[in-house]
Amino acid sequence: PSVSISLVPSSSQPSPSCLLCSLMDFCPAQLQLRWFQGQQELSGRVVATDLVPNGNWTYQLLVLLETASGAGSAWS
């Protein structure tokens, strides 16, 4: 499996606003990805693609976390 996390700039906001986790070439298909800040799960701001089969018995998944911006934010 291959995992990468990258910062994605927003087209609607001046500050970076998304973290993208790319999961590639994994098997079996049962996989769970969760975002945490400290010990708190960040479930309300998560968007994921459907599980995509690669055609060679492996899968891929993209999971995007919309980060908070502004004063006092851990992401600013």
PDB file of N, CA and C in Angstrom:
ATOM      1  N   PRO A   1       0.834  -1.207   0.000  1.00  0.00           N
ATOM      2  CA  PRO A   1       0.000   0.000   0.000  1.00  0.00           C
ATOM      3  C   PRO A   1       0.864   1.251   0.000  1.00  0.00           C
ATOM      4  N   SER A   2       0.280   2.315  -0.496  1.00  0.00           N
ATOM      5  CA  SER A   2       0.958   3.609  -0.557  1.00  0.00           C
ATOM      6  C   SER A   2       0.044   4.656   0.070  1.00  0.00           C
ATOM      7  N   VAL A   3       0.600   5.460   0.990  1.00  0.00           N
ATOM      8  CA  VAL A   3      -0.173   6.500   1.662  1.00  0.00           C
ATOM      9  C   VAL A   3       0.583   7.813   1.537  1.00  0.00           C
ATOM     10  N   SER A   4      -0.126   8.876   1.141  1.00  0.00           N
ATOM     11  CA  SER A   4       0.492  10.209   1.120  1.00  0.00           C
ATOM     12  C   SER A   4      -0.513  11.226   1.636  1.00  0.00           C
ATOM     13  N   ILE A   5       0.009  12.229   2.324  1.00  0.00           N
ATOM     14  CA  ILE A   5      -0.819  13.313   2.845  1.00  0.00           C
ATOM     15  C   ILE A   5      -0.270  14.615   2.300  1.00  0.00           C
ATOM     16  N   SER A   6      -1.144  15.445   1.743  1.00  0.00           N
ATOM     17  CA  SER A   6      -0.699  16.704   1.165  1.00  0.00           C
ATOM     18  C   SER A   6      -1.649  17.829   1.526  1.00  0.00           C
ATOM     19  N   LEU A   7      -1.126  19.037   1.542  1.00  0.00           N
ATOM     20  CA  LEU A   7      -1.900  20.244   1.794  1.00  0.00           C
ATOM     21  C   LEU A   7      -2.470  20.717   0.470  1.00  0.00           C
ATOM     22  N   VAL A   8      -3.769  20.983   0.439  1.00  0.00           N
ATOM     23  CA  VAL A   8      -4.437  21.397  -0.790  1.00  0.00           C
ATOM     24  C   VAL A   8      -4.961  22.814  -0.605  1.00  0.00           C
ATOM     25  N   PRO A   9      -4.508  23.762  -1.436  1.00  0.00           N
ATOM     26  CA  PRO A   9      -5.014  25.129  -1.316  1.00  0.00           C
ATOM     27  C   PRO A   9      -6.476  25.199  -1.761  1.00  0.00           C
ATOM     28  N   SER A  10      -7.210  26.073  -1.123  1.00  0.00           N
ATOM     29  CA  SER A  10      -8.615  26.263  -1.467  1.00  0.00           C
ATOM     30  C   SER A  10      -8.742  27.312  -2.559  1.00  0.00           C
ATOM     31  N   SER A  11      -9.678  27.102  -3.448  1.00  0.00           N
ATOM     32  CA  SER A  11      -9.913  28.110  -4.486  1.00  0.00           C
ATOM     33  C   SER A  11     -10.795  29.237  -3.964  1.00  0.00           C
ATOM     34  N   SER A  12     -11.490  28.986  -2.838  1.00  0.00           N
ATOM     35  CA  SER A  12     -12.416  29.999  -2.324  1.00  0.00           C
ATOM     36  C   SER A  12     -11.895  30.738  -1.097  1.00  0.00           C
ATOM     37  N   GLN A  13     -10.779  30.278  -0.510  1.00  0.00           N
ATOM     38  CA  GLN A  13     -10.228  30.918   0.674  1.00  0.00           C
ATOM     39  C   GLN A  13      -8.746  31.197   0.469  1.00  0.00           C
ATOM     40  N   PRO A  14      -8.225  32.305   1.043  1.00  0.00           N
ATOM     41  CA  PRO A  14      -6.819  32.635   0.846  1.00  0.00           C
ATOM     42  C   PRO A  14      -5.863  31.727   1.617  1.00  0.00           C
ATOM     43  N   SER A  15      -6.321  31.112   2.703  1.00  0.00           N
ATOM     44  CA  SER A  15      -5.424  30.261   3.492  1.00  0.00           C
ATOM     45  C   SER A  15      -5.605  28.795   3.101  1.00  0.00           C
ATOM     46  N   PRO A  16      -4.556  27.966   3.323  1.00  0.00           N
ATOM     47  CA  PRO A  16      -4.706  26.532   3.041  1.00  0.00           C
ATOM     48  C   PRO A  16      -5.873  25.978   3.840  1.00  0.00           C
ATOM     49  N   SER A  17      -6.701  25.183   3.204  1.00  0.00           N
ATOM     50  CA  SER A  17      -7.904  24.769   3.900  1.00  0.00           C
ATOM     51  C   SER A  17      -8.195  23.279   3.860  1.00  0.00           C
ATOM     52  N   CYS A  18      -7.357  22.475   3.230  1.00  0.00           N
ATOM     53  CA  CYS A  18      -7.661  21.055   3.145  1.00  0.00           C
ATOM     54  C   CYS A  18      -6.397  20.206   3.245  1.00  0.00           C
ATOM     55  N   LEU A  19      -6.543  19.064   3.900  1.00  0.00           N
ATOM     56  CA  LEU A  19      -5.512  18.035   3.891  1.00  0.00           C
ATOM     57  C   LEU A  19      -6.079  16.859   3.111  1.00  0.00           C
ATOM     58  N   LEU A  20      -5.295  16.327   2.194  1.00  0.00           N
ATOM     59  CA  LEU A  20      -5.731  15.218   1.354  1.00  0.00           C
ATOM     60  C   LEU A  20      -4.889  13.987   1.669  1.00  0.00           C
ATOM     61  N   CYS A  21      -5.551  12.901   2.018  1.00  0.00           N
ATOM     62  CA  CYS A  21      -4.870  11.625   2.227  1.00  0.00           C
ATOM     63  C   CYS A  21      -5.204  10.716   1.048  1.00  0.00           C
ATOM     64  N   SER A  22      -4.171  10.273   0.346  1.00  0.00           N
ATOM     65  CA  SER A  22      -4.336   9.368  -0.793  1.00  0.00           C
ATOM     66  C   SER A  22      -3.871   7.977  -0.378  1.00  0.00           C
ATOM     67  N   LEU A  23      -4.762   7.021  -0.467  1.00  0.00           N
ATOM     68  CA  LEU A  23      -4.448   5.626  -0.157  1.00  0.00           C
ATOM     69  C   LEU A  23      -4.505   4.857  -1.464  1.00  0.00           C
ATOM     70  N   MET A  24      -3.400   4.254  -1.852  1.00  0.00           N
ATOM     71  CA  MET A  24      -3.325   3.586  -3.150  1.00  0.00           C
ATOM     72  C   MET A  24      -2.829   2.149  -3.000  1.00  0.00           C
ATOM     73  N   ASP A  25      -3.304   1.306  -3.873  1.00  0.00           N
ATOM     74  CA  ASP A  25      -2.809  -0.068  -4.020  1.00  0.00           C
ATOM     75  C   ASP A  25      -2.905  -0.878  -2.736  1.00  0.00           C
ATOM     76  N   PHE A  26      -4.076  -0.843  -2.080  1.00  0.00           N
ATOM     77  CA  PHE A  26      -4.235  -1.636  -0.869  1.00  0.00           C
ATOM     78  C   PHE A  26      -5.253  -2.750  -1.082  1.00  0.00           C
ATOM     79  N   CYS A  27      -5.125  -3.783  -0.297  1.00  0.00           N
ATOM     80  CA  CYS A  27      -6.014  -4.920  -0.349  1.00  0.00           C
ATOM     81  C   CYS A  27      -5.922  -5.608   1.011  1.00  0.00           C
ATOM     82  N   PRO A  28      -6.988  -6.038   1.610  1.00  0.00           N
ATOM     83  CA  PRO A  28      -8.367  -6.115   1.138  1.00  0.00           C
ATOM     84  C   PRO A  28      -9.051  -4.755   1.163  1.00  0.00           C
ATOM     85  N   ALA A  29     -10.259  -4.726   0.657  1.00  0.00           N
ATOM     86  CA  ALA A  29     -10.984  -3.466   0.492  1.00  0.00           C
ATOM     87  C   ALA A  29     -11.458  -2.869   1.811  1.00  0.00           C
ATOM     88  N   GLN A  30     -11.561  -3.664   2.862  1.00  0.00           N
ATOM     89  CA  GLN A  30     -12.040  -3.169   4.154  1.00  0.00           C
ATOM     90  C   GLN A  30     -10.955  -2.303   4.793  1.00  0.00           C
ATOM     91  N   LEU A  31     -11.167  -0.998   4.740  1.00  0.00           N
ATOM     92  CA  LEU A  31     -10.193  -0.047   5.260  1.00  0.00           C
ATOM     93  C   LEU A  31     -10.954   1.099   5.899  1.00  0.00           C
ATOM     94  N   GLN A  32     -10.432   1.593   6.993  1.00  0.00           N
ATOM     95  CA  GLN A  32     -11.060   2.725   7.660  1.00  0.00           C
ATOM     96  C   GLN A  32      -9.992   3.790   7.879  1.00  0.00           C
ATOM     97  N   LEU A  33     -10.266   5.008   7.424  1.00  0.00           N
ATOM     98  CA  LEU A  33      -9.356   6.128   7.642  1.00  0.00           C
ATOM     99  C   LEU A  33     -10.089   7.176   8.461  1.00  0.00           C
ATOM    100  N   ARG A  34      -9.462   7.626   9.538  1.00  0.00           N
ATOM    101  CA  ARG A  34     -10.064   8.648  10.386  1.00  0.00           C
ATOM    102  C   ARG A  34      -9.020   9.725  10.654  1.00  0.00           C
ATOM    103  N   TRP A  35      -9.471  10.975  10.689  1.00  0.00           N
ATOM    104  CA  TRP A  35      -8.622  12.122  11.006  1.00  0.00           C
ATOM    105  C   TRP A  35      -8.797  12.478  12.478  1.00  0.00           C
ATOM    106  N   PHE A  36      -7.693  12.793  13.153  1.00  0.00           N
ATOM    107  CA  PHE A  36      -7.729  13.198  14.549  1.00  0.00           C
ATOM    108  C   PHE A  36      -6.935  14.482  14.729  1.00  0.00           C
ATOM    109  N   GLN A  37      -7.370  15.303  15.683  1.00  0.00           N
ATOM    110  CA  GLN A  37      -6.602  16.439  16.156  1.00  0.00           C
ATOM    111  C   GLN A  37      -6.457  16.216  17.656  1.00  0.00           C
ATOM    112  N   GLY A  38      -5.245  15.898  18.099  1.00  0.00           N
ATOM    113  CA  GLY A  38      -5.068  15.442  19.470  1.00  0.00           C
ATOM    114  C   GLY A  38      -5.749  14.095  19.592  1.00  0.00           C
ATOM    115  N   GLN A  39      -6.658  13.970  20.549  1.00  0.00           N
ATOM    116  CA  GLN A  39      -7.397  12.722  20.701  1.00  0.00           C
ATOM    117  C   GLN A  39      -8.836  12.838  20.216  1.00  0.00           C
ATOM    118  N   GLN A  40      -9.169  13.978  19.591  1.00  0.00           N
ATOM    119  CA  GLN A  40     -10.532  14.202  19.116  1.00  0.00           C
ATOM    120  C   GLN A  40     -10.632  13.851  17.633  1.00  0.00           C
ATOM    121  N   GLU A  41     -11.593  12.985  17.301  1.00  0.00           N
ATOM    122  CA  GLU A  41     -11.816  12.633  15.904  1.00  0.00           C
ATOM    123  C   GLU A  41     -12.524  13.777  15.200  1.00  0.00           C
ATOM    124  N   LEU A  42     -12.070  14.091  13.985  1.00  0.00           N
ATOM    125  CA  LEU A  42     -12.636  15.174  13.177  1.00  0.00           C
ATOM    126  C   LEU A  42     -13.496  14.557  12.085  1.00  0.00           C
ATOM    127  N   SER A  43     -14.721  14.214  12.414  1.00  0.00           N
ATOM    128  CA  SER A  43     -15.566  13.507  11.456  1.00  0.00           C
ATOM    129  C   SER A  43     -16.482  14.428  10.662  1.00  0.00           C
ATOM    130  N   GLY A  44     -16.803  15.597  11.178  1.00  0.00           N
ATOM    131  CA  GLY A  44     -17.767  16.471  10.523  1.00  0.00           C
ATOM    132  C   GLY A  44     -17.240  17.180   9.301  1.00  0.00           C
ATOM    133  N   ARG A  45     -15.928  17.242   9.136  1.00  0.00           N
ATOM    134  CA  ARG A  45     -15.337  17.987   8.017  1.00  0.00           C
ATOM    135  C   ARG A  45     -14.587  17.063   7.059  1.00  0.00           C
ATOM    136  N   VAL A  46     -15.007  15.820   6.961  1.00  0.00           N
ATOM    137  CA  VAL A  46     -14.321  14.823   6.149  1.00  0.00           C
ATOM    138  C   VAL A  46     -15.166  14.462   4.932  1.00  0.00           C
ATOM    139  N   VAL A  47     -14.517  14.440   3.776  1.00  0.00           N
ATOM    140  CA  VAL A  47     -15.168  14.028   2.527  1.00  0.00           C
ATOM    141  C   VAL A  47     -14.298  12.930   1.912  1.00  0.00           C
ATOM    142  N   ALA A  48     -14.926  11.835   1.494  1.00  0.00           N
ATOM    143  CA  ALA A  48     -14.174  10.715   0.916  1.00  0.00           C
ATOM    144  C   ALA A  48     -14.777  10.306  -0.419  1.00  0.00           C
ATOM    145  N   THR A  49     -13.917   9.823  -1.295  1.00  0.00           N
ATOM    146  CA  THR A  49     -14.399   9.243  -2.544  1.00  0.00           C
ATOM    147  C   THR A  49     -14.947   7.860  -2.243  1.00  0.00           C
ATOM    148  N   ASP A  50     -15.663   7.307  -3.198  1.00  0.00           N
ATOM    149  CA  ASP A  50     -16.033   5.906  -3.105  1.00  0.00           C
ATOM    150  C   ASP A  50     -14.764   5.079  -3.274  1.00  0.00           C
ATOM    151  N   LEU A  51     -14.781   3.873  -2.767  1.00  0.00           N
ATOM    152  CA  LEU A  51     -13.674   2.950  -2.945  1.00  0.00           C
ATOM    153  C   LEU A  51     -13.554   2.618  -4.432  1.00  0.00           C
ATOM    154  N   VAL A  52     -12.363   2.787  -4.987  1.00  0.00           N
ATOM    155  CA  VAL A  52     -12.153   2.585  -6.425  1.00  0.00           C
ATOM    156  C   VAL A  52     -11.284   1.346  -6.646  1.00  0.00           C
ATOM    157  N   PRO A  53     -11.808   0.319  -7.345  1.00  0.00           N
ATOM    158  CA  PRO A  53     -10.973  -0.842  -7.669  1.00  0.00           C
ATOM    159  C   PRO A  53      -9.999  -0.498  -8.790  1.00  0.00           C
ATOM    160  N   ASN A  54      -8.755  -0.930  -8.645  1.00  0.00           N
ATOM    161  CA  ASN A  54      -7.732  -0.671  -9.661  1.00  0.00           C
ATOM    162  C   ASN A  54      -7.745  -1.683 -10.798  1.00  0.00           C
ATOM    163  N   GLY A  55      -8.459  -2.777 -10.644  1.00  0.00           N
ATOM    164  CA  GLY A  55      -8.500  -3.793 -11.694  1.00  0.00           C
ATOM    165  C   GLY A  55      -7.454  -4.877 -11.511  1.00  0.00           C
ATOM    166  N   ASN A  56      -6.620  -4.758 -10.479  1.00  0.00           N
ATOM    167  CA  ASN A  56      -5.588  -5.772 -10.225  1.00  0.00           C
ATOM    168  C   ASN A  56      -5.699  -6.294  -8.789  1.00  0.00           C
ATOM    169  N   TRP A  57      -6.930  -6.339  -8.270  1.00  0.00           N
ATOM    170  CA  TRP A  57      -7.237  -6.810  -6.914  1.00  0.00           C
ATOM    171  C   TRP A  57      -6.826  -5.813  -5.833  1.00  0.00           C
ATOM    172  N   THR A  58      -6.437  -4.595  -6.207  1.00  0.00           N
ATOM    173  CA  THR A  58      -6.125  -3.560  -5.224  1.00  0.00           C
ATOM    174  C   THR A  58      -7.128  -2.420  -5.381  1.00  0.00           C
ATOM    175  N   TYR A  59      -7.103  -1.494  -4.425  1.00  0.00           N
ATOM    176  CA  TYR A  59      -8.077  -0.409  -4.388  1.00  0.00           C
ATOM    177  C   TYR A  59      -7.374   0.915  -4.107  1.00  0.00           C
ATOM    178  N   GLN A  60      -8.124   2.007  -4.313  1.00  0.00           N
ATOM    179  CA  GLN A  60      -7.639   3.326  -3.947  1.00  0.00           C
ATOM    180  C   GLN A  60      -8.774   4.138  -3.335  1.00  0.00           C
ATOM    181  N   LEU A  61      -8.392   5.120  -2.499  1.00  0.00           N
ATOM    182  CA  LEU A  61      -9.347   5.939  -1.791  1.00  0.00           C
ATOM    183  C   LEU A  61      -8.714   7.295  -1.525  1.00  0.00           C
ATOM    184  N   LEU A  62      -9.479   8.360  -1.710  1.00  0.00           N
ATOM    185  CA  LEU A  62      -9.040   9.717  -1.376  1.00  0.00           C
ATOM    186  C   LEU A  62      -9.941  10.243  -0.277  1.00  0.00           C
ATOM    187  N   VAL A  63      -9.324  10.784   0.781  1.00  0.00           N
ATOM    188  CA  VAL A  63     -10.087  11.317   1.915  1.00  0.00           C
ATOM    189  C   VAL A  63      -9.584  12.733   2.190  1.00  0.00           C
ATOM    190  N   LEU A  64     -10.504  13.686   2.150  1.00  0.00           N
ATOM    191  CA  LEU A  64     -10.179  15.106   2.297  1.00  0.00           C
ATOM    192  C   LEU A  64     -10.700  15.611   3.630  1.00  0.00           C
ATOM    193  N   LEU A  65      -9.842  16.335   4.364  1.00  0.00           N
ATOM    194  CA  LEU A  65     -10.238  16.965   5.613  1.00  0.00           C
ATOM    195  C   LEU A  65     -10.233  18.464   5.407  1.00  0.00           C
ATOM    196  N   GLU A  66     -11.398  19.102   5.584  1.00  0.00           N
ATOM    197  CA  GLU A  66     -11.478  20.552   5.529  1.00  0.00           C
ATOM    198  C   GLU A  66     -10.972  21.077   6.857  1.00  0.00           C
ATOM    199  N   THR A  67      -9.894  21.843   6.820  1.00  0.00           N
ATOM    200  CA  THR A  67      -9.302  22.349   8.048  1.00  0.00           C
ATOM    201  C   THR A  67      -9.904  23.693   8.409  1.00  0.00           C
ATOM    202  N   ALA A  68      -9.866  24.023   9.680  1.00  0.00           N
ATOM    203  CA  ALA A  68     -10.368  25.311  10.147  1.00  0.00           C
ATOM    204  C   ALA A  68      -9.348  26.384   9.815  1.00  0.00           C
ATOM    205  N   SER A  69      -9.796  27.579   9.545  1.00  0.00           N
ATOM    206  CA  SER A  69      -8.884  28.686   9.305  1.00  0.00           C
ATOM    207  C   SER A  69      -9.272  29.827  10.211  1.00  0.00           C
ATOM    208  N   GLY A  70      -8.356  30.731  10.442  1.00  0.00           N
ATOM    209  CA  GLY A  70      -8.658  31.898  11.263  1.00  0.00           C
ATOM    210  C   GLY A  70      -7.895  31.893  12.568  1.00  0.00           C
ATOM    211  N   ALA A  71      -8.095  32.946  13.363  1.00  0.00           N
ATOM    212  CA  ALA A  71      -7.372  33.117  14.619  1.00  0.00           C
ATOM    213  C   ALA A  71      -7.699  31.991  15.591  1.00  0.00           C
ATOM    214  N   GLY A  72      -6.681  31.503  16.272  1.00  0.00           N
ATOM    215  CA  GLY A  72      -6.868  30.465  17.268  1.00  0.00           C
ATOM    216  C   GLY A  72      -6.967  29.077  16.704  1.00  0.00           C
ATOM    217  N   SER A  73      -6.852  28.937  15.424  1.00  0.00           N
ATOM    218  CA  SER A  73      -6.964  27.623  14.804  1.00  0.00           C
ATOM    219  C   SER A  73      -5.626  26.902  14.852  1.00  0.00           C
ATOM    220  N   ALA A  74      -5.693  25.592  15.009  1.00  0.00           N
ATOM    221  CA  ALA A  74      -4.473  24.779  14.984  1.00  0.00           C
ATOM    222  C   ALA A  74      -3.893  24.724  13.586  1.00  0.00           C
ATOM    223  N   TRP A  75      -4.676  25.062  12.572  1.00  0.00           N
ATOM    224  CA  TRP A  75      -4.227  24.948  11.189  1.00  0.00           C
ATOM    225  C   TRP A  75      -3.691  26.251  10.628  1.00  0.00           C
ATOM    226  N   SER A  76      -3.905  27.373  11.307  1.00  0.00           N
ATOM    227  CA  SER A  76      -3.493  28.648  10.716  1.00  0.00           C
ATOM    228  C   SER A  76      -2.031  28.928  10.958  1.00  0.00           C
TER     229      SER A  76
END
